[in-house]
Protein backbone atom coordinates (compact mmCIF):
# COMPACT_ATOMS: atom_id res chain seq x y z
CA MET A 1 -21.30 17.89 27.04
CA LYS A 2 -21.91 14.17 27.46
CA LEU A 3 -25.19 12.76 26.15
CA SER A 4 -26.95 10.13 28.18
CA ASP A 5 -27.76 6.81 26.50
CA ARG A 6 -31.42 7.77 26.44
CA GLU A 7 -30.63 11.04 24.63
CA LYS A 8 -28.42 9.23 22.13
CA LEU A 9 -31.14 6.67 21.51
CA SER A 10 -33.87 9.25 20.95
CA ALA A 11 -31.61 11.22 18.58
CA TYR A 12 -30.75 7.97 16.79
CA MET A 13 -34.40 6.91 16.46
CA GLY A 14 -35.26 10.19 14.76
CA LYS A 15 -32.83 9.55 11.90
CA SER A 16 -33.49 7.96 8.52
CA LYS A 17 -32.62 4.30 7.92
CA GLU A 18 -29.60 5.24 5.79
CA THR A 19 -28.22 7.48 8.50
CA LYS A 20 -28.80 4.81 11.15
CA ALA A 21 -26.97 2.21 9.08
CA PHE A 22 -24.09 4.60 8.43
CA THR A 23 -23.85 5.56 12.11
CA PHE A 24 -23.91 1.91 13.16
CA THR A 25 -21.23 0.99 10.61
CA ALA A 26 -19.05 3.91 11.67
CA GLU A 27 -19.30 2.83 15.31
CA ILE A 28 -18.31 -0.74 14.44
CA LEU A 29 -15.31 0.47 12.40
CA GLU A 30 -14.28 2.74 15.27
CA GLU A 31 -14.37 -0.22 17.68
CA GLU A 32 -12.34 -2.37 15.27
CA GLU A 33 -9.74 0.40 15.00
CA LYS A 34 -9.47 0.57 18.79
CA ILE A 35 -9.05 -3.20 19.02
CA ALA A 36 -6.36 -3.14 16.33
CA LEU A 37 -4.56 -0.35 18.18
CA TYR A 38 -4.66 -2.28 21.49
CA LYS A 39 -3.32 -5.40 19.76
CA GLU A 40 -0.54 -3.35 18.19
CA ARG A 41 0.40 -1.87 21.57
CA ALA A 42 0.36 -5.28 23.23
CA GLU A 43 2.57 -6.71 20.49
CA TYR A 44 5.02 -3.79 20.85
CA SER A 45 5.06 -4.19 24.64
CA ARG A 46 5.87 -7.90 24.30
CA LYS A 47 8.70 -7.20 21.85
CA GLU A 48 10.15 -4.46 24.03
CA GLY A 49 9.80 -6.59 27.15
CA TYR A 50 7.55 -4.29 29.16
């Protein structure tokens, strides 16, 4: 089940400040991991000549 942005926002607004900060931090770390993974793949592709 996919939550709409509005549903996510209302669920987020109901949380404590600590939980919000943790959620926000976790999302940022997740994005950074994705970016690192894409960079790694791009680097590998360049080396392999794809």
